[in-house]
Amino acid sequence: MKPDTPHDRVWLDKQTPTAYRALGKVANEVRAAAAAAGLDRKLVELINLRVSQINGCAYCLDVHSRAARAAGNTEQELAVLSAWRRTELYSPKERAALALAELTTTLPDEDTLARAYALARTALTDDQLSVVLWAATTIGAFNRVSILSNHPVHAAKEKPTMTTSTPESTVARNAEKNRYEVFYGGELAGFAEYEERDDETVFTHTEIDGAFSGKGLGSVLAKQAIEDTIERGRVIRPLCPFIRAYLDKHPQYDAQVIGKGISR
């Protein structure tokens, strides 16, 4: 992430990128441990959102509200998350995880800790309990990085499958052809091809028609393709030189990129 305007804070992810990438690797290990322990991404994203609510991290709430929807959480579940104890919308496992996430964030007195642990043990195995605590700890660290860096949240228009990038350009994912397409003035101007392997989206080739050169459409296409991939809960393997170069200039995506925040 890079400031667009003069900034009175140190951008921790930009100033010390090796530490930020290491934090991204921790997040990746936690996701892998969650899957191995039988905890789905839907539950993990509820943890991310609840901790971010408590810490008041606008940037992480923006990112993880989209990720939570992509993982299968309903609008109703997200709307009442801060009052989860007063609803029956969440499973016993989710309720136990949310209680643990809250205590990890607030570090209450020992009696409160003991009650939360007792509740957790009725619904979670020891492996699952450990992963929940790690997930809450990790998102708490990201919250602090974003809050102390004052990462901005930019207004975004709601979009279904088409993404309006400028008044003249749009980007859409063509699932049949396995590519993202950028249109300019209604005409196809370029595309970014990909393959999907397990949870990976592998970008292989990007091309912009020479008739549309000089309009910045390559960057528009790369940004929207990357963000849509992340919103769908996938990780990125950038074999395409153009996508790889774009990612090198935008470390805010490192946590979801193989070879940066993810080691495989």
C-alpha atoms as a PDB file:
ATOM      1  CA  MET A   1       0.000   0.000   0.000  1.00  0.00           C
ATOM      2  CA  LYS A   2       1.300   3.406  -0.971  1.00  0.00           C
ATOM      3  CA  PRO A   3      -0.028   6.823   0.077  1.00  0.00           C
ATOM      4  CA  ASP A   4      -1.741   8.790  -2.672  1.00  0.00           C
ATOM      5  CA  THR A   5      -1.243  12.122  -0.858  1.00  0.00           C
ATOM      6  CA  PRO A   6       1.287  13.491   1.655  1.00  0.00           C
ATOM      7  CA  HIS A   7       0.892  11.427   4.798  1.00  0.00           C
ATOM      8  CA  ASP A   8       1.728  12.241   8.429  1.00  0.00           C
ATOM      9  CA  ARG A   9       2.012   8.578   9.455  1.00  0.00           C
ATOM     10  CA  VAL A  10       4.597   5.920   8.753  1.00  0.00           C
ATOM     11  CA  TRP A  11       3.066   3.273   6.502  1.00  0.00           C
ATOM     12  CA  LEU A  12       4.301   0.218   8.373  1.00  0.00           C
ATOM     13  CA  ASP A  13       3.701  -2.210   5.495  1.00  0.00           C
ATOM     14  CA  LYS A  14       5.657   0.021   3.115  1.00  0.00           C
ATOM     15  CA  GLN A  15       8.399   1.120   5.540  1.00  0.00           C
ATOM     16  CA  THR A  16       9.238  -2.392   6.760  1.00  0.00           C
ATOM     17  CA  PRO A  17       7.874  -4.691   4.043  1.00  0.00           C
ATOM     18  CA  THR A  18       9.765  -7.774   5.219  1.00  0.00           C
ATOM     19  CA  ALA A  19       7.970  -7.683   8.562  1.00  0.00           C
ATOM     20  CA  TYR A  20       4.628  -7.155   6.832  1.00  0.00           C
ATOM     21  CA  ARG A  21       5.250 -10.087   4.504  1.00  0.00           C
ATOM     22  CA  ALA A  22       6.155 -12.208   7.532  1.00  0.00           C
ATOM     23  CA  LEU A  23       2.824 -11.273   9.098  1.00  0.00           C
ATOM     24  CA  GLY A  24       1.134 -12.323   5.862  1.00  0.00           C
ATOM     25  CA  LYS A  25       2.875 -15.690   6.092  1.00  0.00           C
ATOM     26  CA  VAL A  26       1.523 -16.131   9.620  1.00  0.00           C
ATOM     27  CA  ALA A  27      -1.982 -15.424   8.306  1.00  0.00           C
ATOM     28  CA  ASN A  28      -1.483 -18.034   5.597  1.00  0.00           C
ATOM     29  CA  GLU A  29      -0.336 -20.643   8.134  1.00  0.00           C
ATOM     30  CA  VAL A  30      -3.387 -19.873  10.278  1.00  0.00           C
ATOM     31  CA  ARG A  31      -5.714 -20.359   7.273  1.00  0.00           C
ATOM     32  CA  ALA A  32      -4.047 -23.671   6.482  1.00  0.00           C
ATOM     33  CA  ALA A  33      -4.299 -24.784  10.115  1.00  0.00           C
ATOM     34  CA  ALA A  34      -7.973 -23.797  10.174  1.00  0.00           C
ATOM     35  CA  ALA A  35      -8.709 -25.928   7.121  1.00  0.00           C
ATOM     36  CA  ALA A  36      -6.768 -28.850   8.603  1.00  0.00           C
ATOM     37  CA  ALA A  37      -8.718 -28.535  11.856  1.00  0.00           C
ATOM     38  CA  GLY A  38     -12.079 -28.488  10.094  1.00  0.00           C
ATOM     39  CA  LEU A  39     -12.845 -24.783  10.449  1.00  0.00           C
ATOM     40  CA  ASP A  40     -14.195 -23.240   7.253  1.00  0.00           C
ATOM     41  CA  ARG A  41     -13.367 -19.827   5.804  1.00  0.00           C
ATOM     42  CA  LYS A  42     -16.857 -18.583   6.713  1.00  0.00           C
ATOM     43  CA  LEU A  43     -16.075 -18.915  10.422  1.00  0.00           C
ATOM     44  CA  VAL A  44     -12.572 -17.467  10.083  1.00  0.00           C
ATOM     45  CA  GLU A  45     -13.975 -14.370   8.369  1.00  0.00           C
ATOM     46  CA  LEU A  46     -16.499 -13.913  11.187  1.00  0.00           C
ATOM     47  CA  ILE A  47     -13.526 -13.827  13.564  1.00  0.00           C
ATOM     48  CA  ASN A  48     -11.730 -11.304  11.350  1.00  0.00           C
ATOM     49  CA  LEU A  49     -14.759  -9.039  11.281  1.00  0.00           C
ATOM     50  CA  ARG A  50     -15.598  -9.255  14.985  1.00  0.00           C
ATOM     51  CA  VAL A  51     -12.043  -8.449  16.084  1.00  0.00           C
ATOM     52  CA  SER A  52     -11.886  -5.593  13.579  1.00  0.00           C
ATOM     53  CA  GLN A  53     -15.181  -4.235  14.943  1.00  0.00           C
ATOM     54  CA  ILE A  54     -13.832  -4.199  18.489  1.00  0.00           C
ATOM     55  CA  ASN A  55     -10.557  -2.569  17.447  1.00  0.00           C
ATOM     56  CA  GLY A  56     -12.314  -0.098  15.169  1.00  0.00           C
ATOM     57  CA  CYS A  57     -10.201  -0.830  12.091  1.00  0.00           C
ATOM     58  CA  ALA A  58     -12.058   0.664   9.125  1.00  0.00           C
ATOM     59  CA  TYR A  59      -9.633  -0.691   6.535  1.00  0.00           C
ATOM     60  CA  CYS A  60      -9.841  -4.298   7.789  1.00  0.00           C
ATOM     61  CA  LEU A  61     -13.631  -4.072   8.115  1.00  0.00           C
ATOM     62  CA  ASP A  62     -13.823  -2.974   4.482  1.00  0.00           C
ATOM     63  CA  VAL A  63     -11.579  -5.811   3.287  1.00  0.00           C
ATOM     64  CA  HIS A  64     -13.058  -8.578   5.421  1.00  0.00           C
ATOM     65  CA  SER A  65     -16.707  -7.669   4.957  1.00  0.00           C
ATOM     66  CA  ARG A  66     -16.221  -8.475   1.277  1.00  0.00           C
ATOM     67  CA  ALA A  67     -14.232 -11.613   2.108  1.00  0.00           C
ATOM     68  CA  ALA A  68     -16.930 -12.723   4.552  1.00  0.00           C
ATOM     69  CA  ARG A  69     -19.621 -12.461   1.874  1.00  0.00           C
ATOM     70  CA  ALA A  70     -17.452 -14.369  -0.568  1.00  0.00           C
ATOM     71  CA  ALA A  71     -16.986 -17.088   2.069  1.00  0.00           C
ATOM     72  CA  GLY A  72     -20.740 -17.592   2.408  1.00  0.00           C
ATOM     73  CA  ASN A  73     -21.833 -15.331   5.255  1.00  0.00           C
ATOM     74  CA  THR A  74     -25.233 -13.723   4.689  1.00  0.00           C
ATOM     75  CA  GLU A  75     -25.964 -10.011   4.863  1.00  0.00           C
ATOM     76  CA  GLN A  76     -28.093 -10.699   7.943  1.00  0.00           C
ATOM     77  CA  GLU A  77     -25.269 -12.511   9.723  1.00  0.00           C
ATOM     78  CA  LEU A  78     -22.916  -9.632   9.028  1.00  0.00           C
ATOM     79  CA  ALA A  79     -25.461  -6.979   9.999  1.00  0.00           C
ATOM     80  CA  VAL A  80     -26.025  -8.360  13.500  1.00  0.00           C
ATOM     81  CA  LEU A  81     -22.529  -9.669  14.182  1.00  0.00           C
ATOM     82  CA  SER A  82     -21.790  -7.199  16.968  1.00  0.00           C
ATOM     83  CA  ALA A  83     -24.897  -8.537  18.780  1.00  0.00           C
ATOM     84  CA  TRP A  84     -24.260 -12.223  18.074  1.00  0.00           C
ATOM     85  CA  ARG A  85     -25.112 -13.265  21.644  1.00  0.00           C
ATOM     86  CA  ARG A  86     -28.671 -11.969  21.192  1.00  0.00           C
ATOM     87  CA  THR A  87     -29.491 -14.016  18.084  1.00  0.00           C
ATOM     88  CA  GLU A  88     -29.793 -17.661  17.069  1.00  0.00           C
ATOM     89  CA  LEU A  89     -28.218 -17.095  13.644  1.00  0.00           C
ATOM     90  CA  TYR A  90     -24.842 -18.577  14.497  1.00  0.00           C
ATOM     91  CA  SER A  91     -23.911 -22.211  15.060  1.00  0.00           C
ATOM     92  CA  PRO A  92     -22.539 -23.403  18.415  1.00  0.00           C
ATOM     93  CA  LYS A  93     -19.085 -23.594  16.849  1.00  0.00           C
ATOM     94  CA  GLU A  94     -19.350 -20.017  15.536  1.00  0.00           C
ATOM     95  CA  ARG A  95     -20.588 -18.756  18.903  1.00  0.00           C
ATOM     96  CA  ALA A  96     -17.691 -20.413  20.698  1.00  0.00           C
ATOM     97  CA  ALA A  97     -15.234 -18.964  18.197  1.00  0.00           C
ATOM     98  CA  LEU A  98     -16.678 -15.464  18.516  1.00  0.00           C
ATOM     99  CA  ALA A  99     -16.442 -15.619  22.318  1.00  0.00           C
ATOM    100  CA  LEU A 100     -12.786 -16.648  22.073  1.00  0.00           C
ATOM    101  CA  ALA A 101     -12.096 -13.940  19.495  1.00  0.00           C
ATOM    102  CA  GLU A 102     -13.508 -11.300  21.800  1.00  0.00           C
ATOM    103  CA  LEU A 103     -11.485 -12.401  24.813  1.00  0.00           C
ATOM    104  CA  THR A 104      -8.308 -12.521  22.702  1.00  0.00           C
ATOM    105  CA  THR A 105      -8.940  -8.918  21.710  1.00  0.00           C
ATOM    106  CA  THR A 106      -9.984  -7.484  25.069  1.00  0.00           C
ATOM    107  CA  LEU A 107      -7.960  -9.732  27.467  1.00  0.00           C
ATOM    108  CA  PRO A 108     -10.537  -9.648  30.286  1.00  0.00           C
ATOM    109  CA  ASP A 109     -10.217 -10.914  33.859  1.00  0.00           C
ATOM    110  CA  GLU A 110      -9.514 -14.578  34.622  1.00  0.00           C
ATOM    111  CA  ASP A 111     -13.124 -15.429  35.528  1.00  0.00           C
ATOM    112  CA  THR A 112     -14.341 -14.195  32.144  1.00  0.00           C
ATOM    113  CA  LEU A 113     -11.543 -16.104  30.420  1.00  0.00           C
ATOM    114  CA  ALA A 114     -12.502 -19.282  32.240  1.00  0.00           C
ATOM    115  CA  ARG A 115     -16.164 -18.977  31.215  1.00  0.00           C
ATOM    116  CA  ALA A 116     -15.255 -18.411  27.572  1.00  0.00           C
ATOM    117  CA  TYR A 117     -12.922 -21.404  27.585  1.00  0.00           C
ATOM    118  CA  ALA A 118     -15.636 -23.557  29.146  1.00  0.00           C
ATOM    119  CA  LEU A 119     -18.052 -22.556  26.386  1.00  0.00           C
ATOM    120  CA  ALA A 120     -15.439 -23.143  23.704  1.00  0.00           C
ATOM    121  CA  ARG A 121     -14.649 -26.662  24.883  1.00  0.00           C
ATOM    122  CA  THR A 122     -18.285 -27.693  24.375  1.00  0.00           C
ATOM    123  CA  ALA A 123     -18.037 -26.960  20.643  1.00  0.00           C
ATOM    124  CA  LEU A 124     -14.362 -26.933  19.619  1.00  0.00           C
ATOM    125  CA  THR A 125     -11.505 -29.402  19.713  1.00  0.00           C
ATOM    126  CA  ASP A 126      -8.171 -28.284  21.144  1.00  0.00           C
ATOM    127  CA  ASP A 127      -6.799 -27.872  17.605  1.00  0.00           C
ATOM    128  CA  GLN A 128      -9.773 -25.720  16.641  1.00  0.00           C
ATOM    129  CA  LEU A 129      -9.534 -23.693  19.839  1.00  0.00           C
ATOM    130  CA  SER A 130      -5.873 -22.974  19.159  1.00  0.00           C
ATOM    131  CA  VAL A 131      -6.568 -21.913  15.569  1.00  0.00           C
ATOM    132  CA  VAL A 132      -9.327 -19.536  16.665  1.00  0.00           C
ATOM    133  CA  LEU A 133      -6.982 -17.853  19.140  1.00  0.00           C
ATOM    134  CA  TRP A 134      -4.292 -17.567  16.468  1.00  0.00           C
ATOM    135  CA  ALA A 135      -6.786 -16.165  13.945  1.00  0.00           C
ATOM    136  CA  ALA A 136      -7.938 -13.509  16.397  1.00  0.00           C
ATOM    137  CA  THR A 137      -4.353 -12.661  17.326  1.00  0.00           C
ATOM    138  CA  THR A 138      -3.308 -12.337  13.680  1.00  0.00           C
ATOM    139  CA  ILE A 139      -6.170 -10.087  12.577  1.00  0.00           C
ATOM    140  CA  GLY A 140      -5.551  -7.998  15.687  1.00  0.00           C
ATOM    141  CA  ALA A 141      -2.006  -7.428  14.477  1.00  0.00           C
ATOM    142  CA  PHE A 142      -3.253  -6.421  11.029  1.00  0.00           C
ATOM    143  CA  ASN A 143      -5.731  -4.053  12.700  1.00  0.00           C
ATOM    144  CA  ARG A 144      -2.893  -2.314  14.492  1.00  0.00           C
ATOM    145  CA  VAL A 145      -0.799  -2.029  11.345  1.00  0.00           C
ATOM    146  CA  SER A 146      -3.694  -0.428   9.450  1.00  0.00           C
ATOM    147  CA  ILE A 147      -4.842   1.862  12.266  1.00  0.00           C
ATOM    148  CA  LEU A 148      -1.351   3.107  13.104  1.00  0.00           C
ATOM    149  CA  SER A 149      -0.571   3.575   9.393  1.00  0.00           C
ATOM    150  CA  ASN A 150      -3.938   5.299   8.868  1.00  0.00           C
ATOM    151  CA  HIS A 151      -4.713   3.168   5.826  1.00  0.00           C
ATOM    152  CA  PRO A 152      -7.583   4.836   3.948  1.00  0.00           C
ATOM    153  CA  VAL A 153     -10.889   3.343   2.884  1.00  0.00           C
ATOM    154  CA  HIS A 154     -11.883   4.624  -0.543  1.00  0.00           C
ATOM    155  CA  ALA A 155     -15.516   4.854  -1.600  1.00  0.00           C
ATOM    156  CA  ALA A 156     -16.439   2.038  -3.969  1.00  0.00           C
ATOM    157  CA  LYS A 157     -19.500   1.489  -6.091  1.00  0.00           C
ATOM    158  CA  GLU A 158     -21.389  -1.739  -5.535  1.00  0.00           C
ATOM    159  CA  LYS A 159     -20.927  -4.100  -8.458  1.00  0.00           C
ATOM    160  CA  PRO A 160     -22.253  -7.513  -9.506  1.00  0.00           C
ATOM    161  CA  THR A 161     -20.016  -9.068 -12.171  1.00  0.00           C
ATOM    162  CA  MET A 162     -19.074  -5.900 -14.045  1.00  0.00           C
ATOM    163  CA  THR A 163     -16.774  -3.375 -12.398  1.00  0.00           C
ATOM    164  CA  THR A 164     -16.932   0.254 -13.480  1.00  0.00           C
ATOM    165  CA  SER A 165     -13.349   1.497 -13.294  1.00  0.00           C
ATOM    166  CA  THR A 166     -13.680   4.827 -15.115  1.00  0.00           C
ATOM    167  CA  PRO A 167     -16.584   6.448 -16.968  1.00  0.00           C
ATOM    168  CA  GLU A 168     -15.216   4.790 -20.145  1.00  0.00           C
ATOM    169  CA  SER A 169     -13.776   1.435 -19.007  1.00  0.00           C
ATOM    170  CA  THR A 170     -15.243  -1.648 -17.373  1.00  0.00           C
ATOM    171  CA  VAL A 171     -13.784  -4.980 -16.277  1.00  0.00           C
ATOM    172  CA  ALA A 172     -15.640  -8.302 -16.210  1.00  0.00           C
ATOM    173  CA  ARG A 173     -14.679 -11.867 -15.377  1.00  0.00           C
ATOM    174  CA  ASN A 174     -15.414 -14.239 -18.268  1.00  0.00           C
ATOM    175  CA  ALA A 175     -15.576 -17.592 -16.478  1.00  0.00           C
ATOM    176  CA  GLU A 176     -16.143 -19.543 -19.716  1.00  0.00           C
ATOM    177  CA  LYS A 177     -12.874 -18.302 -21.222  1.00  0.00           C
ATOM    178  CA  ASN A 178     -10.984 -18.180 -17.899  1.00  0.00           C
ATOM    179  CA  ARG A 179     -10.013 -14.555 -18.274  1.00  0.00           C
ATOM    180  CA  TYR A 180     -10.770 -11.044 -17.067  1.00  0.00           C
ATOM    181  CA  GLU A 181     -11.717  -8.662 -19.860  1.00  0.00           C
ATOM    182  CA  VAL A 182     -11.395  -4.881 -19.953  1.00  0.00           C
ATOM    183  CA  PHE A 183     -13.719  -2.887 -22.199  1.00  0.00           C
ATOM    184  CA  TYR A 184     -13.234   0.696 -23.331  1.00  0.00           C
ATOM    185  CA  GLY A 185     -16.165   2.578 -24.846  1.00  0.00           C
ATOM    186  CA  GLY A 186     -17.985  -0.756 -25.084  1.00  0.00           C
ATOM    187  CA  GLU A 187     -15.196  -2.457 -27.079  1.00  0.00           C
ATOM    188  CA  LEU A 188     -12.969  -5.271 -25.847  1.00  0.00           C
ATOM    189  CA  ALA A 189      -9.590  -3.647 -25.197  1.00  0.00           C
ATOM    190  CA  GLY A 190      -7.651  -6.433 -23.489  1.00  0.00           C
ATOM    191  CA  PHE A 191      -7.697  -9.410 -21.179  1.00  0.00           C
ATOM    192  CA  ALA A 192      -5.844 -11.233 -18.401  1.00  0.00           C
ATOM    193  CA  GLU A 193      -5.920 -15.012 -18.716  1.00  0.00           C
ATOM    194  CA  TYR A 194      -5.853 -17.334 -15.710  1.00  0.00           C
ATOM    195  CA  GLU A 195      -6.127 -20.952 -14.645  1.00  0.00           C
ATOM    196  CA  GLU A 196      -7.779 -22.157 -11.438  1.00  0.00           C
ATOM    197  CA  ARG A 197      -6.034 -24.908  -9.473  1.00  0.00           C
ATOM    198  CA  ASP A 198      -7.525 -25.864  -6.115  1.00  0.00           C
ATOM    199  CA  ASP A 199      -7.605 -22.550  -4.187  1.00  0.00           C
ATOM    200  CA  GLU A 200      -5.141 -20.838  -6.531  1.00  0.00           C
ATOM    201  CA  THR A 201      -5.853 -18.453  -9.399  1.00  0.00           C
ATOM    202  CA  VAL A 202      -2.810 -18.615 -11.681  1.00  0.00           C
ATOM    203  CA  PHE A 203      -2.444 -15.563 -13.931  1.00  0.00           C
ATOM    204  CA  THR A 204      -0.672 -16.638 -17.120  1.00  0.00           C
ATOM    205  CA  HIS A 205      -0.945 -13.850 -19.704  1.00  0.00           C
ATOM    206  CA  THR A 206      -2.146 -10.249 -20.005  1.00  0.00           C
ATOM    207  CA  GLU A 207      -2.644  -8.406 -23.268  1.00  0.00           C
ATOM    208  CA  ILE A 208      -3.911  -4.923 -24.184  1.00  0.00           C
ATOM    209  CA  ASP A 209      -4.840  -4.161 -27.792  1.00  0.00           C
ATOM    210  CA  GLY A 210      -2.421  -1.604 -29.252  1.00  0.00           C
ATOM    211  CA  ALA A 211      -5.349   0.523 -30.390  1.00  0.00           C
ATOM    212  CA  PHE A 212      -6.079   1.265 -26.722  1.00  0.00           C
ATOM    213  CA  SER A 213      -2.518   1.891 -25.534  1.00  0.00           C
ATOM    214  CA  GLY A 214      -1.721   4.894 -23.346  1.00  0.00           C
ATOM    215  CA  LYS A 215      -5.019   4.822 -21.451  1.00  0.00           C
ATOM    216  CA  GLY A 216      -3.808   2.951 -18.355  1.00  0.00           C
ATOM    217  CA  LEU A 217      -6.128   0.035 -19.067  1.00  0.00           C
ATOM    218  CA  GLY A 218      -3.516  -2.555 -18.102  1.00  0.00           C
ATOM    219  CA  SER A 219      -3.395  -1.234 -14.539  1.00  0.00           C
ATOM    220  CA  VAL A 220      -7.200  -0.967 -14.402  1.00  0.00           C
ATOM    221  CA  LEU A 221      -7.480  -4.574 -15.541  1.00  0.00           C
ATOM    222  CA  ALA A 222      -4.809  -5.851 -13.133  1.00  0.00           C
ATOM    223  CA  LYS A 223      -6.306  -4.070 -10.119  1.00  0.00           C
ATOM    224  CA  GLN A 224      -9.841  -5.310 -10.698  1.00  0.00           C
ATOM    225  CA  ALA A 225      -8.748  -8.859 -11.553  1.00  0.00           C
ATOM    226  CA  ILE A 226      -6.620  -9.095  -8.410  1.00  0.00           C
ATOM    227  CA  GLU A 227      -9.289  -7.644  -6.122  1.00  0.00           C
ATOM    228  CA  ASP A 228     -12.038  -9.861  -7.542  1.00  0.00           C
ATOM    229  CA  THR A 229      -9.824 -12.920  -7.070  1.00  0.00           C
ATOM    230  CA  ILE A 230      -9.202 -12.013  -3.433  1.00  0.00           C
ATOM    231  CA  GLU A 231     -12.888 -11.258  -2.821  1.00  0.00           C
ATOM    232  CA  ARG A 232     -13.702 -14.770  -4.037  1.00  0.00           C
ATOM    233  CA  GLY A 233     -11.471 -16.169  -1.290  1.00  0.00           C
ATOM    234  CA  ARG A 234      -8.699 -17.351  -3.615  1.00  0.00           C
ATOM    235  CA  VAL A 235      -4.926 -16.901  -3.568  1.00  0.00           C
ATOM    236  CA  ILE A 236      -2.860 -15.606  -6.476  1.00  0.00           C
ATOM    237  CA  ARG A 237       0.046 -17.212  -8.318  1.00  0.00           C
ATOM    238  CA  PRO A 238       1.368 -14.537 -10.721  1.00  0.00           C
ATOM    239  CA  LEU A 239       3.141 -16.296 -13.608  1.00  0.00           C
ATOM    240  CA  CYS A 240       2.193 -13.453 -15.937  1.00  0.00           C
ATOM    241  CA  PRO A 241       5.020 -10.854 -15.910  1.00  0.00           C
ATOM    242  CA  PHE A 242       2.593  -7.926 -16.098  1.00  0.00           C
ATOM    243  CA  ILE A 243       0.485  -9.092 -13.129  1.00  0.00           C
ATOM    244  CA  ARG A 244       3.646  -9.915 -11.194  1.00  0.00           C
ATOM    245  CA  ALA A 245       5.058  -6.427 -11.835  1.00  0.00           C
ATOM    246  CA  TYR A 246       1.772  -4.831 -10.738  1.00  0.00           C
ATOM    247  CA  LEU A 247       1.790  -6.842  -7.519  1.00  0.00           C
ATOM    248  CA  ASP A 248       5.416  -5.848  -6.842  1.00  0.00           C
ATOM    249  CA  LYS A 249       4.270  -2.222  -6.831  1.00  0.00           C
ATOM    250  CA  HIS A 250       1.238  -2.879  -4.604  1.00  0.00           C
ATOM    251  CA  PRO A 251       2.283  -4.782  -1.453  1.00  0.00           C
ATOM    252  CA  GLN A 252      -1.164  -4.397   0.120  1.00  0.00           C
ATOM    253  CA  TYR A 253      -2.056  -7.617  -1.715  1.00  0.00           C
ATOM    254  CA  ASP A 254       0.990  -9.577  -0.468  1.00  0.00           C
ATOM    255  CA  ALA A 255      -0.935 -11.646   2.082  1.00  0.00           C
ATOM    256  CA  GLN A 256      -2.869 -13.326  -0.773  1.00  0.00           C
ATOM    257  CA  VAL A 257       0.065 -13.779  -3.192  1.00  0.00           C
ATOM    258  CA  ILE A 258       2.124 -16.976  -3.495  1.00  0.00           C
ATOM    259  CA  GLY A 259       5.799 -16.065  -3.304  1.00  0.00           C
ATOM    260  CA  LYS A 260       5.126 -13.046  -1.103  1.00  0.00           C
ATOM    261  CA  GLY A 261       2.833 -13.545   1.883  1.00  0.00           C
ATOM    262  CA  ILE A 262       2.223 -17.181   0.988  1.00  0.00           C
ATOM    263  CA  SER A 263       4.954 -19.826   0.724  1.00  0.00           C
ATOM    264  CA  ARG A 264       4.259 -23.006  -1.258  1.00  0.00           C
END
